[in-house]
Amino acid sequence: MAQNTSPIYTLTPNVQSDGATAMAPTFTTAAADYTGATATHNKIVWTAGANGGFIARLKFKAIGTNTASVARVFINNGSAATSAANNSFIAEIALPATTAIATTSTVDVELPLGFALPAGFRILVGLGTTVAAGWVCVGIGGDY
């Protein structure tokens, strides 16, 4: 079997928080269904480019006061995110309770991923519980 002997490097950076180039959708509502069936709650945060892409990590930032929750992460095959058959549940990470305060920063939470995705595949994220102010999630990676 032939193998690829050439290293692969990303061609362009790919930093997203809405699955395209716009930034900062806010997560406030619980998805809690593990399927992506609730399109408004499980949001697309990163999409691989035309030649595929590499997702290094997801960075979560609290934008105010929130109760504790969990972020659930799915890989979507590029088809309808509302169909459970198109999504695979791959990870989750605890999001702590946060308090907005003018004299210090709120916590940053990072989830390392570090894998390649085929062209058009997407990363979806949903919250386990409803929170008050919300979280922003940014996907950090690159396209081939």
N, C-alpha and C. Protein backbone atom coordinates (compact mmCIF):
# COMPACT_ATOMS: atom_id res chain seq x y z
N MET A 1 0.84 -1.16 0.00
CA MET A 1 0.00 0.00 0.00
C MET A 1 0.89 1.24 0.00
N ALA A 2 0.61 2.16 -0.90
CA ALA A 2 1.37 3.40 -0.97
C ALA A 2 1.03 4.29 0.21
N GLN A 3 2.01 5.03 0.65
CA GLN A 3 1.76 5.96 1.75
C GLN A 3 2.22 7.35 1.37
N ASN A 4 1.67 8.31 2.05
CA ASN A 4 2.05 9.70 1.84
C ASN A 4 3.37 9.96 2.56
N THR A 5 4.41 10.30 1.83
CA THR A 5 5.71 10.57 2.44
C THR A 5 5.99 12.06 2.57
N SER A 6 5.05 12.88 2.11
CA SER A 6 5.21 14.33 2.21
C SER A 6 4.45 14.85 3.42
N PRO A 7 5.07 15.68 4.23
CA PRO A 7 4.35 16.25 5.37
C PRO A 7 3.24 17.17 4.89
N ILE A 8 2.21 17.31 5.69
CA ILE A 8 1.10 18.19 5.35
C ILE A 8 1.12 19.38 6.30
N TYR A 9 1.00 20.57 5.76
CA TYR A 9 0.99 21.79 6.55
C TYR A 9 -0.25 22.58 6.19
N THR A 10 -0.74 23.34 7.14
CA THR A 10 -1.87 24.18 6.83
C THR A 10 -1.43 25.31 5.90
N LEU A 11 -2.32 25.68 5.00
CA LEU A 11 -2.04 26.74 4.03
C LEU A 11 -2.47 28.09 4.56
N THR A 12 -3.65 28.13 5.18
CA THR A 12 -4.17 29.38 5.71
C THR A 12 -4.73 29.17 7.11
N PRO A 13 -4.58 30.14 7.99
CA PRO A 13 -5.19 30.03 9.32
C PRO A 13 -6.70 29.96 9.18
N ASN A 14 -7.33 29.31 10.12
CA ASN A 14 -8.78 29.19 10.11
C ASN A 14 -9.26 29.36 11.55
N VAL A 15 -9.65 30.58 11.89
CA VAL A 15 -10.15 30.90 13.22
C VAL A 15 -11.60 31.36 13.06
N GLN A 16 -12.52 30.62 13.68
CA GLN A 16 -13.94 30.88 13.50
C GLN A 16 -14.67 30.72 14.82
N SER A 17 -15.84 31.34 14.89
CA SER A 17 -16.72 31.03 16.01
C SER A 17 -18.15 30.81 15.55
N ASP A 18 -18.40 30.89 14.26
CA ASP A 18 -19.75 30.61 13.77
C ASP A 18 -19.75 29.66 12.58
N GLY A 19 -18.64 28.99 12.33
CA GLY A 19 -18.56 28.08 11.20
C GLY A 19 -18.27 28.78 9.89
N ALA A 20 -18.07 30.09 9.92
CA ALA A 20 -17.71 30.87 8.74
C ALA A 20 -16.75 31.95 9.19
N THR A 21 -16.90 33.15 8.70
CA THR A 21 -15.95 34.20 9.07
C THR A 21 -16.50 35.19 10.09
N ALA A 22 -17.81 35.18 10.33
CA ALA A 22 -18.36 36.08 11.35
C ALA A 22 -17.94 35.57 12.73
N MET A 23 -17.96 36.43 13.69
CA MET A 23 -17.47 36.06 15.01
C MET A 23 -18.55 36.14 16.08
N ALA A 24 -18.31 35.41 17.13
CA ALA A 24 -18.94 35.53 18.44
C ALA A 24 -20.43 35.24 18.55
N PRO A 25 -20.93 34.08 18.11
CA PRO A 25 -22.28 33.73 18.54
C PRO A 25 -22.22 33.39 20.02
N THR A 26 -23.26 33.69 20.75
CA THR A 26 -23.29 33.43 22.18
C THR A 26 -24.10 32.17 22.46
N PHE A 27 -23.54 31.30 23.29
CA PHE A 27 -24.25 30.11 23.74
C PHE A 27 -24.89 30.41 25.08
N THR A 28 -26.20 30.30 25.17
CA THR A 28 -26.88 30.49 26.45
C THR A 28 -27.88 29.37 26.74
N THR A 29 -28.39 28.69 25.71
CA THR A 29 -29.48 27.73 25.88
C THR A 29 -28.97 26.30 25.84
N ALA A 30 -29.54 25.47 26.70
CA ALA A 30 -29.14 24.07 26.77
C ALA A 30 -29.52 23.33 25.50
N ALA A 31 -28.61 22.50 25.00
CA ALA A 31 -28.89 21.59 23.90
C ALA A 31 -29.27 20.25 24.50
N ALA A 32 -28.37 19.68 25.29
CA ALA A 32 -28.60 18.49 26.11
C ALA A 32 -29.24 17.31 25.38
N ASP A 33 -29.22 17.29 24.06
CA ASP A 33 -29.84 16.17 23.36
C ASP A 33 -28.83 15.24 22.71
N TYR A 34 -27.57 15.58 22.70
CA TYR A 34 -26.48 14.78 22.15
C TYR A 34 -26.61 14.50 20.66
N THR A 35 -27.58 15.07 19.98
CA THR A 35 -27.81 14.71 18.59
C THR A 35 -27.64 15.84 17.60
N GLY A 36 -27.68 17.07 18.06
CA GLY A 36 -27.67 18.19 17.14
C GLY A 36 -29.05 18.49 16.59
N ALA A 37 -30.06 17.79 17.08
CA ALA A 37 -31.41 17.93 16.54
C ALA A 37 -32.01 19.31 16.78
N THR A 38 -31.54 20.03 17.77
CA THR A 38 -32.03 21.37 18.03
C THR A 38 -31.04 22.35 17.41
N ALA A 39 -31.32 22.76 16.19
CA ALA A 39 -30.36 23.54 15.40
C ALA A 39 -29.97 24.86 16.06
N THR A 40 -30.88 25.46 16.79
CA THR A 40 -30.57 26.76 17.39
C THR A 40 -29.74 26.63 18.65
N HIS A 41 -29.60 25.43 19.19
CA HIS A 41 -28.86 25.25 20.44
C HIS A 41 -27.48 24.67 20.20
N ASN A 42 -27.34 23.69 19.33
CA ASN A 42 -26.04 23.17 18.94
C ASN A 42 -25.58 24.00 17.76
N LYS A 43 -24.53 24.79 17.97
CA LYS A 43 -24.11 25.74 16.95
C LYS A 43 -22.85 25.27 16.24
N ILE A 44 -22.77 25.59 14.96
CA ILE A 44 -21.56 25.32 14.17
C ILE A 44 -20.53 26.37 14.56
N VAL A 45 -19.36 25.92 15.03
CA VAL A 45 -18.33 26.88 15.43
C VAL A 45 -17.10 26.84 14.53
N TRP A 46 -16.96 25.79 13.70
CA TRP A 46 -15.78 25.72 12.85
C TRP A 46 -16.09 24.82 11.66
N THR A 47 -15.65 25.23 10.47
CA THR A 47 -15.86 24.45 9.25
C THR A 47 -14.53 24.30 8.52
N ALA A 48 -14.19 23.07 8.13
CA ALA A 48 -12.96 22.81 7.37
C ALA A 48 -13.11 23.39 5.96
N GLY A 49 -12.01 23.87 5.41
CA GLY A 49 -12.00 24.49 4.09
C GLY A 49 -12.17 23.50 2.95
N ALA A 50 -12.04 24.00 1.72
CA ALA A 50 -12.28 23.22 0.50
C ALA A 50 -11.35 22.02 0.34
N ASN A 51 -10.16 22.07 0.95
CA ASN A 51 -9.23 20.94 0.88
C ASN A 51 -9.08 20.22 2.21
N GLY A 52 -9.99 20.48 3.13
CA GLY A 52 -9.91 19.91 4.47
C GLY A 52 -9.23 20.89 5.41
N GLY A 53 -9.18 20.54 6.67
CA GLY A 53 -8.58 21.43 7.64
C GLY A 53 -8.12 20.70 8.88
N PHE A 54 -7.41 21.43 9.72
CA PHE A 54 -6.89 20.90 10.99
C PHE A 54 -7.45 21.76 12.11
N ILE A 55 -8.17 21.14 13.02
CA ILE A 55 -8.71 21.86 14.17
C ILE A 55 -7.80 21.59 15.37
N ALA A 56 -7.15 22.62 15.85
CA ALA A 56 -6.20 22.48 16.95
C ALA A 56 -6.89 22.47 18.30
N ARG A 57 -7.81 23.44 18.50
CA ARG A 57 -8.46 23.52 19.80
C ARG A 57 -9.70 24.41 19.72
N LEU A 58 -10.51 24.30 20.76
CA LEU A 58 -11.63 25.20 20.95
C LEU A 58 -11.35 26.03 22.19
N LYS A 59 -11.62 27.31 22.11
CA LYS A 59 -11.42 28.20 23.25
C LYS A 59 -12.77 28.78 23.65
N PHE A 60 -13.11 28.60 24.92
CA PHE A 60 -14.37 29.09 25.46
C PHE A 60 -14.09 30.28 26.38
N LYS A 61 -14.90 31.32 26.24
CA LYS A 61 -14.75 32.51 27.06
C LYS A 61 -16.12 32.90 27.62
N ALA A 62 -16.20 33.02 28.94
CA ALA A 62 -17.43 33.48 29.57
C ALA A 62 -17.59 34.97 29.31
N ILE A 63 -18.80 35.39 28.99
CA ILE A 63 -19.02 36.81 28.73
C ILE A 63 -19.82 37.48 29.84
N GLY A 64 -19.81 36.87 31.01
CA GLY A 64 -20.51 37.44 32.16
C GLY A 64 -20.76 36.39 33.22
N THR A 65 -21.79 36.59 34.01
CA THR A 65 -22.12 35.69 35.11
C THR A 65 -22.93 34.50 34.59
N ASN A 66 -22.45 33.30 34.89
CA ASN A 66 -23.09 32.06 34.46
C ASN A 66 -23.04 31.02 35.57
N THR A 67 -24.02 30.12 35.56
CA THR A 67 -23.93 28.93 36.40
C THR A 67 -23.02 27.93 35.71
N ALA A 68 -22.57 26.93 36.43
CA ALA A 68 -21.72 25.89 35.83
C ALA A 68 -22.51 25.13 34.77
N SER A 69 -21.80 24.66 33.75
CA SER A 69 -22.42 23.89 32.68
C SER A 69 -21.36 22.97 32.08
N VAL A 70 -21.69 22.40 30.95
CA VAL A 70 -20.75 21.57 30.20
C VAL A 70 -20.92 21.90 28.72
N ALA A 71 -19.83 21.95 27.98
CA ALA A 71 -19.88 22.12 26.53
C ALA A 71 -19.71 20.75 25.90
N ARG A 72 -20.63 20.38 25.01
CA ARG A 72 -20.57 19.10 24.30
C ARG A 72 -20.20 19.38 22.86
N VAL A 73 -19.24 18.60 22.36
CA VAL A 73 -18.64 18.86 21.04
C VAL A 73 -18.95 17.70 20.11
N PHE A 74 -19.36 18.03 18.89
CA PHE A 74 -19.72 17.06 17.87
C PHE A 74 -18.94 17.32 16.60
N ILE A 75 -18.65 16.27 15.84
CA ILE A 75 -18.18 16.41 14.46
C ILE A 75 -19.40 16.18 13.58
N ASN A 76 -19.59 17.09 12.63
CA ASN A 76 -20.67 16.97 11.65
C ASN A 76 -20.04 16.69 10.29
N ASN A 77 -20.66 15.81 9.50
CA ASN A 77 -20.09 15.40 8.22
C ASN A 77 -20.33 16.37 7.07
N GLY A 78 -20.80 17.57 7.38
CA GLY A 78 -21.04 18.58 6.35
C GLY A 78 -22.47 18.58 5.85
N SER A 79 -23.26 17.62 6.29
CA SER A 79 -24.68 17.57 5.93
C SER A 79 -25.50 18.24 7.03
N ALA A 80 -26.81 18.08 6.97
CA ALA A 80 -27.71 18.74 7.93
C ALA A 80 -27.31 18.45 9.37
N ALA A 81 -27.03 19.50 10.12
CA ALA A 81 -26.64 19.35 11.52
C ALA A 81 -27.80 18.89 12.39
N THR A 82 -29.02 19.01 11.88
CA THR A 82 -30.20 18.63 12.66
C THR A 82 -30.50 17.14 12.59
N SER A 83 -29.74 16.38 11.81
CA SER A 83 -29.92 14.93 11.74
C SER A 83 -28.85 14.25 12.58
N ALA A 84 -29.28 13.47 13.57
CA ALA A 84 -28.34 12.79 14.46
C ALA A 84 -27.37 11.90 13.69
N ALA A 85 -27.79 11.34 12.57
CA ALA A 85 -26.95 10.44 11.78
C ALA A 85 -25.74 11.16 11.17
N ASN A 86 -25.78 12.48 11.11
CA ASN A 86 -24.69 13.26 10.52
C ASN A 86 -23.68 13.76 11.56
N ASN A 87 -23.93 13.48 12.83
CA ASN A 87 -23.12 14.03 13.92
C ASN A 87 -22.54 12.92 14.78
N SER A 88 -21.30 13.12 15.23
CA SER A 88 -20.67 12.20 16.18
C SER A 88 -20.24 12.99 17.41
N PHE A 89 -20.68 12.54 18.57
CA PHE A 89 -20.33 13.16 19.84
C PHE A 89 -18.90 12.75 20.16
N ILE A 90 -17.99 13.74 20.26
CA ILE A 90 -16.57 13.39 20.42
C ILE A 90 -15.94 13.85 21.72
N ALA A 91 -16.50 14.88 22.36
CA ALA A 91 -15.84 15.40 23.56
C ALA A 91 -16.81 16.26 24.35
N GLU A 92 -16.45 16.48 25.60
CA GLU A 92 -17.15 17.45 26.41
C GLU A 92 -16.17 18.02 27.43
N ILE A 93 -16.45 19.22 27.88
CA ILE A 93 -15.57 19.87 28.85
C ILE A 93 -16.42 20.70 29.81
N ALA A 94 -16.06 20.64 31.08
CA ALA A 94 -16.77 21.39 32.10
C ALA A 94 -16.53 22.88 31.94
N LEU A 95 -17.60 23.65 32.08
CA LEU A 95 -17.52 25.10 32.08
C LEU A 95 -17.90 25.56 33.48
N PRO A 96 -17.00 26.25 34.17
CA PRO A 96 -17.27 26.60 35.57
C PRO A 96 -18.28 27.74 35.71
N ALA A 97 -18.81 27.88 36.90
CA ALA A 97 -19.62 29.05 37.21
C ALA A 97 -18.72 30.28 37.12
N THR A 98 -19.25 31.36 36.60
CA THR A 98 -18.45 32.58 36.44
C THR A 98 -19.21 33.77 36.98
N THR A 99 -18.48 34.78 37.39
CA THR A 99 -19.07 36.03 37.87
C THR A 99 -18.40 37.19 37.15
N ALA A 100 -19.21 38.02 36.54
CA ALA A 100 -18.68 39.21 35.87
C ALA A 100 -18.24 40.21 36.94
N ILE A 101 -17.06 40.74 36.78
CA ILE A 101 -16.51 41.70 37.73
C ILE A 101 -15.61 42.66 36.96
N ALA A 102 -15.62 43.90 37.35
CA ALA A 102 -14.88 44.93 36.61
C ALA A 102 -13.39 44.96 36.93
N THR A 103 -12.95 44.22 37.94
CA THR A 103 -11.56 44.33 38.37
C THR A 103 -10.69 43.13 38.03
N THR A 104 -11.25 42.12 37.38
CA THR A 104 -10.46 40.96 36.97
C THR A 104 -11.10 40.28 35.78
N SER A 105 -10.41 39.33 35.20
CA SER A 105 -10.94 38.64 34.01
C SER A 105 -11.76 37.42 34.40
N THR A 106 -12.63 37.02 33.49
CA THR A 106 -13.32 35.74 33.66
C THR A 106 -12.43 34.64 33.11
N VAL A 107 -12.74 33.43 33.47
CA VAL A 107 -11.91 32.28 33.13
C VAL A 107 -11.94 31.99 31.61
N ASP A 108 -10.81 31.50 31.09
CA ASP A 108 -10.74 30.95 29.74
C ASP A 108 -10.68 29.43 29.89
N VAL A 109 -11.41 28.71 29.05
CA VAL A 109 -11.38 27.26 29.07
C VAL A 109 -10.99 26.79 27.67
N GLU A 110 -9.97 25.94 27.57
CA GLU A 110 -9.54 25.43 26.26
C GLU A 110 -9.69 23.92 26.20
N LEU A 111 -10.18 23.45 25.07
CA LEU A 111 -10.30 22.01 24.80
C LEU A 111 -9.37 21.67 23.65
N PRO A 112 -8.25 20.98 23.91
CA PRO A 112 -7.37 20.59 22.81
C PRO A 112 -8.03 19.51 21.96
N LEU A 113 -7.91 19.65 20.65
CA LEU A 113 -8.46 18.64 19.73
C LEU A 113 -7.33 18.03 18.92
N GLY A 114 -6.76 18.75 17.95
CA GLY A 114 -5.58 18.29 17.24
C GLY A 114 -5.80 17.18 16.24
N PHE A 115 -6.76 17.35 15.33
CA PHE A 115 -6.94 16.36 14.27
C PHE A 115 -7.42 17.01 12.99
N ALA A 116 -7.22 16.30 11.89
CA ALA A 116 -7.63 16.79 10.57
C ALA A 116 -9.08 16.40 10.31
N LEU A 117 -9.75 17.24 9.52
CA LEU A 117 -11.12 16.97 9.09
C LEU A 117 -11.20 17.09 7.58
N PRO A 118 -12.02 16.26 6.94
CA PRO A 118 -12.22 16.38 5.49
C PRO A 118 -12.91 17.70 5.13
N ALA A 119 -12.84 18.05 3.87
CA ALA A 119 -13.46 19.28 3.37
C ALA A 119 -14.93 19.34 3.78
N GLY A 120 -15.33 20.49 4.29
CA GLY A 120 -16.73 20.72 4.63
C GLY A 120 -17.20 20.16 5.95
N PHE A 121 -16.39 19.32 6.60
CA PHE A 121 -16.78 18.80 7.91
C PHE A 121 -16.78 19.96 8.91
N ARG A 122 -17.62 19.85 9.94
CA ARG A 122 -17.81 20.96 10.87
C ARG A 122 -17.71 20.49 12.32
N ILE A 123 -17.43 21.44 13.19
CA ILE A 123 -17.46 21.22 14.64
C ILE A 123 -18.68 21.96 15.17
N LEU A 124 -19.53 21.23 15.90
CA LEU A 124 -20.70 21.80 16.54
C LEU A 124 -20.50 21.76 18.05
N VAL A 125 -21.07 22.73 18.75
CA VAL A 125 -20.98 22.79 20.20
C VAL A 125 -22.36 23.12 20.76
N GLY A 126 -22.70 22.48 21.87
CA GLY A 126 -23.93 22.79 22.60
C GLY A 126 -23.65 22.78 24.08
N LEU A 127 -24.48 23.49 24.85
CA LEU A 127 -24.34 23.53 26.30
C LEU A 127 -25.23 22.48 26.96
N GLY A 128 -24.80 21.99 28.11
CA GLY A 128 -25.59 21.03 28.87
C GLY A 128 -26.74 21.66 29.63
N THR A 129 -26.57 22.90 30.08
CA THR A 129 -27.61 23.61 30.82
C THR A 129 -27.69 25.04 30.32
N THR A 130 -28.83 25.65 30.53
CA THR A 130 -29.01 27.06 30.16
C THR A 130 -28.24 27.93 31.15
N VAL A 131 -27.56 28.95 30.63
CA VAL A 131 -26.79 29.88 31.46
C VAL A 131 -27.29 31.30 31.21
N ALA A 132 -26.89 32.23 32.06
CA ALA A 132 -27.42 33.60 31.99
C ALA A 132 -26.74 34.44 30.91
N ALA A 133 -25.48 34.80 31.11
CA ALA A 133 -24.80 35.72 30.19
C ALA A 133 -24.32 35.01 28.93
N GLY A 134 -23.82 33.81 29.07
CA GLY A 134 -23.41 33.03 27.91
C GLY A 134 -21.91 32.84 27.79
N TRP A 135 -21.57 32.01 26.83
CA TRP A 135 -20.19 31.68 26.49
C TRP A 135 -20.00 31.91 25.00
N VAL A 136 -18.79 32.27 24.62
CA VAL A 136 -18.39 32.33 23.22
C VAL A 136 -17.38 31.21 23.00
N CYS A 137 -17.47 30.52 21.88
CA CYS A 137 -16.53 29.44 21.54
C CYS A 137 -15.88 29.79 20.21
N VAL A 138 -14.55 29.73 20.20
CA VAL A 138 -13.78 30.01 18.98
C VAL A 138 -12.98 28.76 18.62
N GLY A 139 -13.12 28.31 17.38
CA GLY A 139 -12.32 27.20 16.86
C GLY A 139 -11.03 27.74 16.27
N ILE A 140 -9.91 27.15 16.63
CA ILE A 140 -8.60 27.61 16.17
C ILE A 140 -7.93 26.48 15.41
N GLY A 141 -7.58 26.73 14.16
CA GLY A 141 -6.95 25.70 13.34
C GLY A 141 -6.45 26.30 12.04
N GLY A 142 -6.46 25.50 10.99
CA GLY A 142 -6.00 25.95 9.68
C GLY A 142 -6.58 25.09 8.58
N ASP A 143 -6.56 25.62 7.37
CA ASP A 143 -7.05 24.90 6.18
C ASP A 143 -5.88 24.45 5.32
N TYR A 144 -6.05 23.33 4.63
CA TYR A 144 -5.04 22.80 3.73
C TYR A 144 -5.19 23.40 2.35
